[in-house]
Every structure is written in structure tokens, then in C-alpha cells.
């Protein structure tokens, strides 16, 4: 008779992995937590400490007027180790939760090492154990060997190695009086769907091209080089091929007659809805390496976007993530192998806090599975529930990584101002989380 599994295996000791192990310990479950550093280094990590922050010392806002602040409140309710460490290592930064990176990583490393239910092993894992409960939390720089294993398990076409991300705009900040709705050629059954179209005059188009060419850009890091495949070409690189390139590419006006003038615009920037509630719109084909302040300044010159608020900025960078909506259930287990869970950026969430939040959910549901309990589903109205909805529900528009933002929450039906609307979302989310108890 096969011996019963005695512990949960967690691959990766970044923010998601340590949260998963910490949650399992709250259930009294033993874990084996694997971290390949220092025996195997990555292109960006500089120490062998767990949960090392490599890009920024800020975990964003703590205000519940911000979606990220709501997320932190919810994580604290669930006993987040990352939030605990952040509060212990905080440095002055106004409403932002900025930390001393060394103290932050030291705190988490010590907590994990001192927990008698967590067996920390400094080894690289290249195979996902079969017939065991496993959490894969290896992050955006997953090793080539494990990538191959994940590709085999999930089907290779559902594993991505680069993000080519266009900006996403809050629907309520688009000036509808300056744009028009429609699809190219007005095909009733068009796969393009129904777009919002921002028409540009000749002068506006060439001003946009000049801004894209001369705008300050994020420098490419060594491990991100050679990422400019045709499908993820930054728009500013397209512009460098010729000032009319965009007019014959993502900004082509063909088939888009402006009903107000009866004519084709010189160029058209299309916006495509990101969700069924139409609270978010994607700038189609506008992946870019412009710095965030530049994106805000340049794209607000487009007719209809003068007051646009960006829920996510565009980027092109090295990342590894699975097509979660096709592969994962809401408890973050694989549909094809329910004993395997995925957490962290490899699920397609962006940001430190978002990654840690998915680790919490993995730890909860893997532990419940070990104990023979049903999965625990976070209320939809919470920020965590909204993130899980985004990464587990298939959509026609394809899947790209996302930070938590107000566009992911369920719609507030009342037509009220942004501040009041966000207040309702925050109150609803925190009330939902306060009633949520996955430990019983």
C-alpha cells in the first residue's frame, strides 16, 4: 500500500513560495520548500536570501483609496508573512509601503528557517513530483529545465517567455464625445469585436510618432535582450522603421469610417474592452518601452484620452507565465492535475503584493486538499477574489499579466463619481474579506 504523503512540496521561495509555506504551517501542515539559490543563480538576484526584492523597495500604496491598499488589508486579515515583514522593515515613504530590502528579506528568511514545520532545501528542482501535492511558485525567471517540465505538463503553447503588454485605461475616464464605436468593415460576426476608435488627424498622428521616437524609454536589461519578435514589437521600434509604419499597422484606419464626418480618419487608435463589464479598455497593439510618466503624457494627447487614467502601463520585458485562464481553477490548481497548484507571477499576476497574495491562496488550498477538505473560494468582491477571477476565467481577448486595479472588481452600478465609487468597492471588498475564514 502506498505511503500517505506527509508534506506539501513548494518549488520556489520567493514571495509566493514563502507565503504558501507560512499558510500551510498555520494549518499544521509540513512543507518542503525548495530554493535553488545560491547553488543556481538568476540574472537579477544578488543574495541567497528568501523573498529578495529585485526591482523596487516599494510595495505601493497602503491607502484603501488605492486597489493595492485594499489588497494589503485583505492579506493582513489572512496573516500574510510578506505584510508582516514589510511592517517590520518599513521606511518613510508617505502612503507607500516602502521597505529596507535587507531587513525585509532577513525577516522572512529567519521566520521560514525557524518554523519547525518548514523544511528549507537549497536545491534546484527540474521535475514536478507526480502524485503529490505540489505548489509551483518559481516566478518570472523560472529555470530552463523547469520551464520545459511545465511546458510538458501544461502544453507548450500555453507557456510564454516575454510580455508584450499594451496600456489599459479606466473606461470611465475616456471622453466618448471624441471617439466612435465600430469594427473594421463593420462585419457583424467579426472576431475583432466592437472597438472604441480614437481618430487622429495628420498633425496629431505625426506628433504621436515624434513623441514615441524621442520619448524617454526603459533600458533593456541583459537578460531581456532579443525579445523583439514580430508579435511583441514595441510601437516606438515600429516608428523607427518609418513614420508611416503605424498607419499601416495597429493604427490603420481602413474600414473605420467616422460616422460624425462620413470619412476615414488619417489614423485610428483602437480600444478593446478587457472584461465583460467593460470597465477596462486596452490600447490595441500599443506595447511600449516608454517610461510610465512619458506614456501618460504622450497617450493623453490622443483624442478622447486627454483625461485617461491608466490601470496598467505598457511594457515589453522578460517574463515566464502560463495561460492561467485555460489551465487553472479558481483554487489555483491545474485542471489537468488538481494536485499541482501554481502561485506568484508565473500565474500572470504582476507585482510583489499580487504574487504574494496568490501564494497565500495556494497555501490555503493545498493544505485543505492535504486534509481532505474542499477548496476555499475567496469572495468575488474582494481584491484577491477579483485577481483570481482574472487569472482563472477564459476570455476572447487573450491573457496578459495584470496588477490589481479597480477595473478588476465587480462593477458598481450607480452612476457616481470616482471617489465614491472606489469607496464602495473598498468597503464591499473589506466586508467580504472580514466574513471569509478558510481555516475552519
Protein backbone atom coordinates (compact mmCIF):
# COMPACT_ATOMS: atom_id res chain seq x y z
CA UNK A 1 0.00 0.00 0.00
CA UNK A 2 1.33 3.45 -0.95
CA UNK A 3 2.52 5.54 1.98
CA UNK A 4 0.40 8.65 2.57
CA UNK A 5 2.10 11.94 1.62
CA UNK A 6 3.39 13.66 4.74
CA UNK A 7 4.14 17.15 3.41
CA UNK A 8 3.39 19.64 0.65
CA UNK A 9 6.21 20.34 -1.79
CA UNK A 10 6.76 24.00 -2.68
CA UNK A 11 9.08 24.90 -5.56
CA UNK A 12 10.43 28.43 -5.23
CA UNK A 13 11.00 30.55 -2.10
CA UNK A 14 10.13 33.97 -3.44
CA UNK A 15 7.20 35.99 -2.13
CA UNK A 16 4.58 33.45 -3.24
CA UNK A 17 6.52 30.42 -2.05
CA UNK A 18 7.19 31.72 1.45
CA UNK A 19 3.55 32.80 1.81
CA UNK A 20 2.40 29.32 0.78
CA UNK A 21 4.70 27.65 3.32
CA UNK A 22 3.61 30.10 6.03
CA UNK A 23 -0.06 29.37 5.35
CA UNK A 24 0.49 25.61 5.37
CA UNK A 25 2.14 25.92 8.78
CA UNK A 26 -0.99 27.69 10.08
CA UNK A 27 -2.90 24.52 9.16
CA UNK A 28 -0.29 22.38 10.93
CA UNK A 29 0.90 21.02 7.57
CA UNK A 30 4.57 20.28 6.96
CA UNK A 31 6.18 21.63 3.78
CA UNK A 32 9.38 21.04 1.88
CA UNK A 33 10.34 24.44 0.45
CA UNK A 34 12.90 24.38 -2.37
CA UNK A 35 15.06 27.37 -3.29
CA UNK A 36 17.72 26.90 -5.98
CA UNK A 37 19.84 29.86 -4.87
CA UNK A 38 22.75 30.05 -4.10
CA UNK A 39 23.70 26.82 -5.88
CA UNK A 40 21.96 28.13 -9.02
CA UNK A 41 21.86 31.90 -9.53
CA UNK A 42 19.46 34.02 -11.59
CA UNK A 43 20.14 37.03 -13.79
CA UNK A 44 18.74 39.53 -11.28
CA UNK A 45 19.07 38.20 -7.73
CA UNK A 46 22.11 39.34 -5.76
CA UNK A 47 21.82 37.38 -2.49
CA UNK A 48 20.77 33.93 -1.31
CA UNK A 49 18.05 35.32 0.97
CA UNK A 50 14.44 34.32 0.56
CA UNK A 51 11.87 36.72 -0.93
CA UNK A 52 14.57 39.07 -2.22
CA UNK A 53 13.13 42.23 -3.76
CA UNK A 54 14.97 42.89 -7.00
CA UNK A 55 13.26 45.83 -8.74
CA UNK A 56 11.87 48.24 -6.15
CA UNK A 57 11.68 48.66 -2.43
CA UNK A 58 8.08 49.87 -2.64
CA UNK A 59 5.07 47.61 -2.21
CA UNK A 60 2.85 50.51 -3.37
CA UNK A 61 0.11 52.33 -1.51
CA UNK A 62 -1.37 51.41 1.87
CA UNK A 63 -4.41 53.65 1.32
CA UNK A 64 -7.70 51.88 0.65
CA UNK A 65 -8.39 54.62 -1.88
CA UNK A 66 -5.95 52.55 -3.95
CA UNK A 67 -6.65 48.98 -5.13
CA UNK A 68 -3.23 47.87 -3.91
CA UNK A 69 -4.03 49.21 -0.44
CA UNK A 70 -7.21 47.13 -0.31
CA UNK A 71 -5.21 44.06 -1.29
CA UNK A 72 -2.76 44.60 1.57
CA UNK A 73 -5.61 44.92 4.07
CA UNK A 74 -7.05 41.62 2.87
CA UNK A 75 -3.67 39.89 3.04
CA UNK A 76 -3.13 41.14 6.58
CA UNK A 77 -6.52 39.62 7.51
CA UNK A 78 -5.16 36.28 6.25
CA UNK A 79 -1.95 36.57 8.29
CA UNK A 80 0.39 37.43 5.41
CA UNK A 81 4.07 36.91 6.18
CA UNK A 82 5.03 39.44 3.49
CA UNK A 83 2.91 42.20 5.02
CA UNK A 84 4.22 41.31 8.49
CA UNK A 85 7.81 41.58 7.21
CA UNK A 86 7.06 44.82 5.37
CA UNK A 87 5.67 46.44 8.51
CA UNK A 88 8.75 45.32 10.43
CA UNK A 89 11.14 46.78 7.84
CA UNK A 90 9.21 49.87 6.74
CA UNK A 91 10.99 53.11 5.84
CA UNK A 92 9.37 56.57 5.45
CA UNK A 93 7.63 56.97 2.08
CA UNK A 94 4.33 58.73 2.71
CA UNK A 95 1.39 56.49 1.83
CA UNK A 96 3.62 53.97 0.07
CA UNK A 97 4.72 50.81 1.89
CA UNK A 98 8.45 51.08 1.21
CA UNK A 99 10.85 48.75 2.99
CA UNK A 100 14.52 48.27 3.75
CA UNK A 101 15.21 45.38 1.38
CA UNK A 102 17.88 43.77 3.54
CA UNK A 103 15.77 43.85 6.70
CA UNK A 104 12.73 42.65 4.75
CA UNK A 105 14.47 39.58 3.30
CA UNK A 106 16.29 38.86 6.57
CA UNK A 107 13.00 38.89 8.46
CA UNK A 108 11.32 36.42 6.09
CA UNK A 109 14.37 34.15 5.84
CA UNK A 110 14.60 33.94 9.62
CA UNK A 111 10.87 33.26 10.00
CA UNK A 112 10.98 30.43 7.47
CA UNK A 113 14.17 28.88 8.90
CA UNK A 114 12.80 28.99 12.45
CA UNK A 115 9.50 27.32 11.58
CA UNK A 116 9.72 23.66 12.58
CA UNK A 117 7.04 22.72 10.03
CA UNK A 118 9.06 24.08 7.08
CA UNK A 119 11.99 22.12 5.67
CA UNK A 120 14.01 24.60 3.58
CA UNK A 121 16.18 22.87 0.99
CA UNK A 122 18.70 24.73 -1.17
CA UNK A 123 18.35 22.65 -4.31
CA UNK A 124 17.18 23.14 -7.88
CA UNK A 125 14.04 21.24 -8.86
CA UNK A 126 13.70 20.28 -12.50
CA UNK A 127 10.79 17.82 -12.29
CA UNK A 128 7.35 18.25 -10.74
CA UNK A 129 6.75 15.25 -8.45
CA UNK A 130 3.91 13.01 -9.58
CA UNK A 131 1.01 12.01 -7.36
CA UNK A 132 2.00 14.56 -4.73
CA UNK A 133 0.54 17.89 -3.67
CA UNK A 134 2.89 20.46 -5.17
CA UNK A 135 2.94 24.25 -5.38
CA UNK A 136 4.93 25.76 -8.24
CA UNK A 137 5.95 29.32 -7.28
CA UNK A 138 9.10 29.81 -9.30
CA UNK A 139 8.44 33.34 -10.54
CA UNK A 140 9.10 35.11 -13.84
CA UNK A 141 12.67 33.80 -14.15
CA UNK A 142 11.89 30.08 -13.89
CA UNK A 143 14.88 27.94 -14.90
CA UNK A 144 15.02 26.50 -18.42
CA UNK A 145 14.79 22.92 -17.12
CA UNK A 146 11.67 23.58 -15.06
CA UNK A 147 10.16 25.61 -17.91
CA UNK A 148 10.49 22.54 -20.10
CA UNK A 149 8.79 20.45 -17.44
CA UNK A 150 5.94 22.96 -17.08
CA UNK A 151 5.58 23.13 -20.86
CA UNK A 152 5.23 19.37 -21.00
CA UNK A 153 2.65 19.38 -18.22
CA UNK A 154 0.56 22.29 -19.50
CA UNK A 155 1.21 22.05 -23.28
CA UNK A 156 3.96 24.27 -24.62
CA UNK A 157 1.75 26.75 -26.44
CA UNK A 158 0.45 27.90 -23.06
CA UNK A 159 3.85 28.98 -21.71
CA UNK A 160 5.10 32.48 -22.51
CA UNK A 161 8.61 33.85 -22.19
CA UNK A 162 8.06 37.53 -22.91
CA UNK A 163 5.39 40.05 -22.04
CA UNK A 164 4.26 42.38 -24.80
CA UNK A 165 1.79 44.48 -22.88
CA UNK A 166 -0.34 47.40 -24.04
CA UNK A 167 -1.66 50.04 -21.63
CA UNK A 168 -5.10 49.56 -20.08
CA UNK A 169 -7.37 52.53 -19.40
CA UNK A 170 -10.18 53.07 -16.89
CA UNK A 171 -13.33 53.11 -19.04
CA UNK A 172 -14.86 55.95 -17.05
CA UNK A 173 -12.00 58.30 -17.99
CA UNK A 174 -12.46 58.00 -21.77
CA UNK A 175 -14.11 61.02 -23.42
CA UNK A 176 -16.82 59.33 -25.52
CA UNK A 177 -17.69 62.60 -27.29
CA UNK A 178 -14.42 62.48 -29.25
CA UNK A 179 -14.44 58.83 -30.33
CA UNK A 180 -16.74 56.41 -32.14
CA UNK A 181 -17.64 52.74 -31.77
CA UNK A 182 -17.23 50.13 -34.52
CA UNK A 183 -15.16 47.33 -36.05
CA UNK A 184 -13.24 47.38 -39.30
CA UNK A 185 -15.51 46.79 -42.29
CA UNK A 186 -18.46 46.54 -39.83
CA UNK A 187 -18.54 42.74 -40.04
CA UNK A 188 -21.41 41.64 -37.80
CA UNK A 189 -19.62 38.47 -36.74
CA UNK A 190 -16.13 39.97 -36.74
CA UNK A 191 -13.66 38.36 -34.38
CA UNK A 192 -12.28 41.85 -33.77
CA UNK A 193 -15.36 42.63 -31.72
CA UNK A 194 -16.75 46.09 -31.11
CA UNK A 195 -13.99 48.65 -30.59
CA UNK A 196 -13.84 52.23 -29.40
CA UNK A 197 -11.96 54.22 -32.04
CA UNK A 198 -9.89 57.33 -31.38
CA UNK A 199 -9.47 59.21 -34.70
CA UNK A 200 -6.24 61.14 -35.32
CA UNK A 201 -5.69 63.91 -37.84
CA UNK A 202 -2.50 64.03 -39.89
CA UNK A 203 -0.89 66.52 -37.49
CA UNK A 204 -1.95 64.52 -34.42
CA UNK A 205 -0.61 61.30 -35.92
CA UNK A 206 2.84 62.65 -36.76
CA UNK A 207 3.07 64.37 -33.36
CA UNK A 208 2.37 60.98 -31.75
CA UNK A 209 5.07 59.33 -33.87
CA UNK A 210 7.63 62.00 -32.93
CA UNK A 211 6.76 61.62 -29.24
CA UNK A 212 7.17 57.85 -29.47
CA UNK A 213 10.56 58.10 -31.20
CA UNK A 214 12.01 60.77 -28.90
CA UNK A 215 10.35 59.80 -25.60
CA UNK A 216 12.46 58.51 -22.71
CA UNK A 217 12.45 54.71 -22.65
CA UNK A 218 13.19 51.97 -20.15
CA UNK A 219 16.61 50.50 -20.86
CA UNK A 220 16.68 46.82 -21.75
CA UNK A 221 18.44 44.63 -19.22
CA UNK A 222 20.92 42.00 -20.34
CA UNK A 223 18.58 39.05 -19.74
CA UNK A 224 15.78 40.78 -21.70
CA UNK A 225 17.65 41.26 -24.97
CA UNK A 226 16.45 39.86 -28.31
CA UNK A 227 12.81 39.94 -27.33
CA UNK A 228 11.53 41.88 -30.32
CA UNK A 229 9.61 39.17 -32.11
CA UNK A 230 7.08 40.47 -34.65
CA UNK A 231 4.20 39.78 -32.28
CA UNK A 232 5.67 41.90 -29.48
CA UNK A 233 7.34 44.74 -31.37
CA UNK A 234 7.33 47.96 -29.31
CA UNK A 235 5.46 50.71 -31.13
CA UNK A 236 8.45 53.04 -30.91
CA UNK A 237 10.58 50.43 -32.72
CA UNK A 238 7.90 50.26 -35.42
CA UNK A 239 8.10 54.06 -35.76
CA UNK A 240 11.85 53.89 -36.30
CA UNK A 241 11.19 51.75 -39.39
CA UNK A 242 9.32 54.68 -40.94
CA UNK A 243 6.95 57.39 -39.78
CA UNK A 244 4.02 55.83 -41.64
CA UNK A 245 4.55 52.30 -40.27
CA UNK A 246 1.86 52.64 -37.60
CA UNK A 247 -0.67 53.92 -40.18
CA UNK A 248 -0.30 50.61 -41.99
CA UNK A 249 -0.15 48.62 -38.75
CA UNK A 250 -2.04 48.98 -35.47
CA UNK A 251 -3.30 52.50 -36.35
CA UNK A 252 -4.56 51.73 -39.85
CA UNK A 253 -7.91 53.46 -40.47
CA UNK A 254 -9.11 51.04 -43.16
CA UNK A 255 -12.78 50.16 -42.73
CA UNK A 256 -13.32 52.66 -39.89
CA UNK A 257 -15.50 55.47 -41.20
CA UNK A 258 -16.15 58.15 -38.59
CA UNK A 259 -19.97 58.45 -38.51
CA UNK A 260 -19.69 62.10 -37.49
CA UNK A 261 -17.79 63.08 -40.65
CA UNK A 262 -18.59 60.24 -43.04
CA UNK A 263 -14.85 59.95 -43.79
CA UNK A 264 -11.91 57.73 -42.94
CA UNK A 265 -9.64 59.37 -40.32
CA UNK A 266 -5.93 59.76 -41.15
CA UNK A 267 -5.21 57.15 -38.44
CA UNK A 268 -7.17 55.39 -35.70
CA UNK A 269 -6.10 54.15 -32.29
CA UNK A 270 -8.44 51.34 -31.26
CA UNK A 271 -9.51 50.48 -27.72
CA UNK A 272 -10.75 46.97 -26.93
CA UNK A 273 -12.64 46.01 -23.80
CA UNK A 274 -10.71 43.82 -21.36
CA UNK A 275 -13.69 42.38 -19.48
CA UNK A 276 -17.38 41.64 -19.89
CA UNK A 277 -18.31 44.55 -17.62
CA UNK A 278 -16.44 46.96 -19.92
CA UNK A 279 -14.70 48.76 -17.07
CA UNK A 280 -11.26 48.50 -18.73
CA UNK A 281 -10.06 49.16 -22.26
CA UNK A 282 -6.81 48.01 -23.87
CA UNK A 283 -4.88 50.24 -26.31
CA UNK A 284 -4.67 47.71 -29.13
CA UNK A 285 -1.15 46.98 -30.39
CA UNK A 286 0.48 49.60 -28.16
CA UNK A 287 3.12 47.57 -26.33
CA UNK A 288 5.85 50.04 -25.46
CA UNK A 289 9.05 50.61 -23.50
CA UNK A 290 8.34 54.30 -22.84
CA UNK A 291 8.73 55.22 -19.18
CA UNK A 292 5.45 55.46 -17.32
CA UNK A 293 5.34 59.28 -17.00
CA UNK A 294 6.08 59.50 -20.74
CA UNK A 295 3.25 57.09 -21.56
CA UNK A 296 0.82 59.18 -19.54
CA UNK A 297 1.92 62.44 -21.21
CA UNK A 298 2.09 61.08 -24.77
CA UNK A 299 -1.07 58.99 -24.82
CA UNK A 300 -3.16 61.76 -23.26
CA UNK A 301 -2.62 63.72 -26.48
CA UNK A 302 -4.78 61.17 -28.33
CA UNK A 303 -8.34 62.44 -28.89
CA UNK A 304 -10.63 61.01 -26.23
CA UNK A 305 -7.78 60.13 -23.87
CA UNK A 306 -6.99 63.60 -22.53
CA UNK A 307 -8.13 62.62 -19.01
CA UNK A 308 -7.29 58.93 -19.26
CA UNK A 309 -6.29 57.11 -16.09
CA UNK A 310 -4.06 54.12 -16.71
CA UNK A 311 -4.87 50.94 -14.82
CA UNK A 312 -1.76 49.34 -16.32
CA UNK A 313 1.06 50.83 -18.37
CA UNK A 314 2.58 49.18 -21.42
CA UNK A 315 5.81 47.19 -21.34
CA UNK A 316 7.96 44.63 -23.10
CA UNK A 317 10.09 42.50 -20.80
CA UNK A 318 11.29 39.02 -19.96
CA UNK A 319 8.69 37.01 -18.11
CA UNK A 320 7.55 33.42 -17.82
CA UNK A 321 3.90 32.76 -17.19
CA UNK A 322 1.28 30.17 -18.03
CA UNK A 323 -2.03 30.79 -19.75
CA UNK A 324 -3.79 30.55 -16.40
CA UNK A 325 -7.40 31.06 -17.61
CA UNK A 326 -7.05 27.92 -19.75
CA UNK A 327 -5.16 25.91 -17.18
CA UNK A 328 -6.09 26.86 -13.62
CA UNK A 329 -9.19 26.54 -11.48
CA UNK A 330 -10.13 29.27 -9.02
CA UNK A 331 -8.34 27.46 -6.20
CA UNK A 332 -5.16 27.82 -8.36
CA UNK A 333 -4.88 24.08 -9.02
CA UNK A 334 -4.28 22.71 -12.50
CA UNK A 335 -7.41 21.47 -14.21
CA UNK A 336 -5.48 18.56 -15.70
CA UNK A 337 -3.72 17.66 -12.43
CA UNK A 338 -5.57 19.01 -9.37
CA UNK A 339 -2.73 18.10 -7.01
CA UNK A 340 -0.48 20.74 -8.62
CA UNK A 341 -1.02 24.40 -7.70
CA UNK A 342 0.56 27.50 -9.24
CA UNK A 343 1.28 30.73 -7.37
CA UNK A 344 3.12 34.01 -7.94
CA UNK A 345 3.99 35.80 -11.16
CA UNK A 346 4.03 32.56 -13.13
CA UNK A 347 0.21 32.69 -12.91
CA UNK A 348 0.10 36.00 -14.76
CA UNK A 349 -0.26 38.45 -11.90
CA UNK A 350 2.08 41.45 -11.86
CA UNK A 351 3.64 42.97 -8.77
CA UNK A 352 5.15 41.87 -5.48
CA UNK A 353 1.97 42.06 -3.43
CA UNK A 354 -0.18 40.35 -6.06
CA UNK A 355 2.34 37.50 -6.29
CA UNK A 356 2.37 37.06 -2.53
CA UNK A 357 -1.45 37.05 -2.44
CA UNK A 358 -1.65 34.11 -4.84
CA UNK A 359 0.90 32.29 -2.69
CA UNK A 360 -1.45 32.68 0.27
CA UNK A 361 -4.31 31.13 -1.70
CA UNK A 362 -2.10 28.25 -2.88
CA UNK A 363 -1.00 27.57 0.68
CA UNK A 364 -4.60 27.57 1.92
CA UNK A 365 -5.99 25.29 -0.77
CA UNK A 366 -3.04 22.89 -0.93
CA UNK A 367 -3.33 22.48 2.86
CA UNK A 368 -7.07 21.92 2.67
CA UNK A 369 -6.51 19.30 -0.02
CA UNK A 370 -3.94 17.57 2.18
CA UNK A 371 -6.52 17.49 4.99
CA UNK A 372 -9.25 16.15 2.73
CA UNK A 373 -11.22 19.41 2.78
CA UNK A 374 -12.94 21.15 -0.14
CA UNK A 375 -11.28 24.20 -1.75
CA UNK A 376 -11.93 27.57 -0.13
CA UNK A 377 -13.02 30.28 -2.56
CA UNK A 378 -12.36 33.92 -1.76
CA UNK A 379 -15.42 36.19 -2.19
CA UNK A 380 -15.58 37.70 -5.69
CA UNK A 381 -15.98 41.27 -4.38
CA UNK A 382 -12.57 41.21 -2.66
CA UNK A 383 -9.38 42.27 -4.40
CA UNK A 384 -7.97 38.74 -4.08
CA UNK A 385 -11.20 37.30 -5.47
CA UNK A 386 -11.03 39.77 -8.35
CA UNK A 387 -7.44 38.79 -9.16
CA UNK A 388 -8.35 35.10 -9.08
CA UNK A 389 -11.31 35.79 -11.36
CA UNK A 390 -8.99 37.48 -13.85
CA UNK A 391 -6.45 34.67 -13.97
CA UNK A 392 -8.91 31.76 -13.98
CA UNK A 393 -11.73 32.77 -16.37
CA UNK A 394 -11.04 32.33 -20.12
CA UNK A 395 -11.73 35.35 -22.35
CA UNK A 396 -11.82 36.00 -26.08
CA UNK A 397 -9.25 38.79 -25.91
CA UNK A 398 -6.34 36.63 -24.78
CA UNK A 399 -4.43 36.72 -21.50
CA UNK A 400 -1.75 39.11 -20.32
CA UNK A 401 -0.33 39.75 -16.83
CA UNK A 402 -2.10 42.32 -14.66
CA UNK A 403 -1.69 44.25 -11.40
CA UNK A 404 -4.64 44.68 -9.08
CA UNK A 405 -6.71 47.68 -10.13
CA UNK A 406 -10.25 48.97 -9.70
CA UNK A 407 -11.22 47.74 -13.16
CA UNK A 408 -10.96 44.12 -11.96
CA UNK A 409 -13.55 44.49 -9.20
CA UNK A 410 -17.26 43.85 -9.84
CA UNK A 411 -18.92 46.90 -11.34
CA UNK A 412 -20.67 49.45 -9.14
CA UNK A 413 -23.96 50.06 -10.93
CA UNK A 414 -24.67 53.52 -9.52
CA UNK A 415 -23.52 56.40 -11.73
CA UNK A 416 -21.44 58.28 -9.18
CA UNK A 417 -18.06 59.97 -9.04
CA UNK A 418 -14.80 58.04 -8.98
CA UNK A 419 -14.02 58.72 -5.31
CA UNK A 420 -17.41 57.49 -4.13
CA UNK A 421 -17.30 54.51 -6.49
CA UNK A 422 -13.87 53.46 -5.23
CA UNK A 423 -15.09 53.90 -1.66
CA UNK A 424 -17.97 51.49 -2.29
CA UNK A 425 -15.59 48.98 -3.87
CA UNK A 426 -13.23 49.20 -0.88
CA UNK A 427 -15.99 48.82 1.70
CA UNK A 428 -17.54 45.90 -0.17
CA UNK A 429 -14.16 44.17 -0.51
CA UNK A 430 -13.15 44.52 3.14
CA UNK A 431 -16.56 43.41 4.36
CA UNK A 432 -16.33 40.35 2.13
CA UNK A 433 -12.85 39.52 3.43
CA UNK A 434 -13.82 40.01 7.09
CA UNK A 435 -16.51 37.34 6.65
CA UNK A 436 -14.09 34.94 4.93
CA UNK A 437 -12.49 32.24 7.07
CA UNK A 438 -10.68 29.44 5.22
CA UNK A 439 -9.23 27.91 8.38
CA UNK A 440 -12.36 26.25 9.72
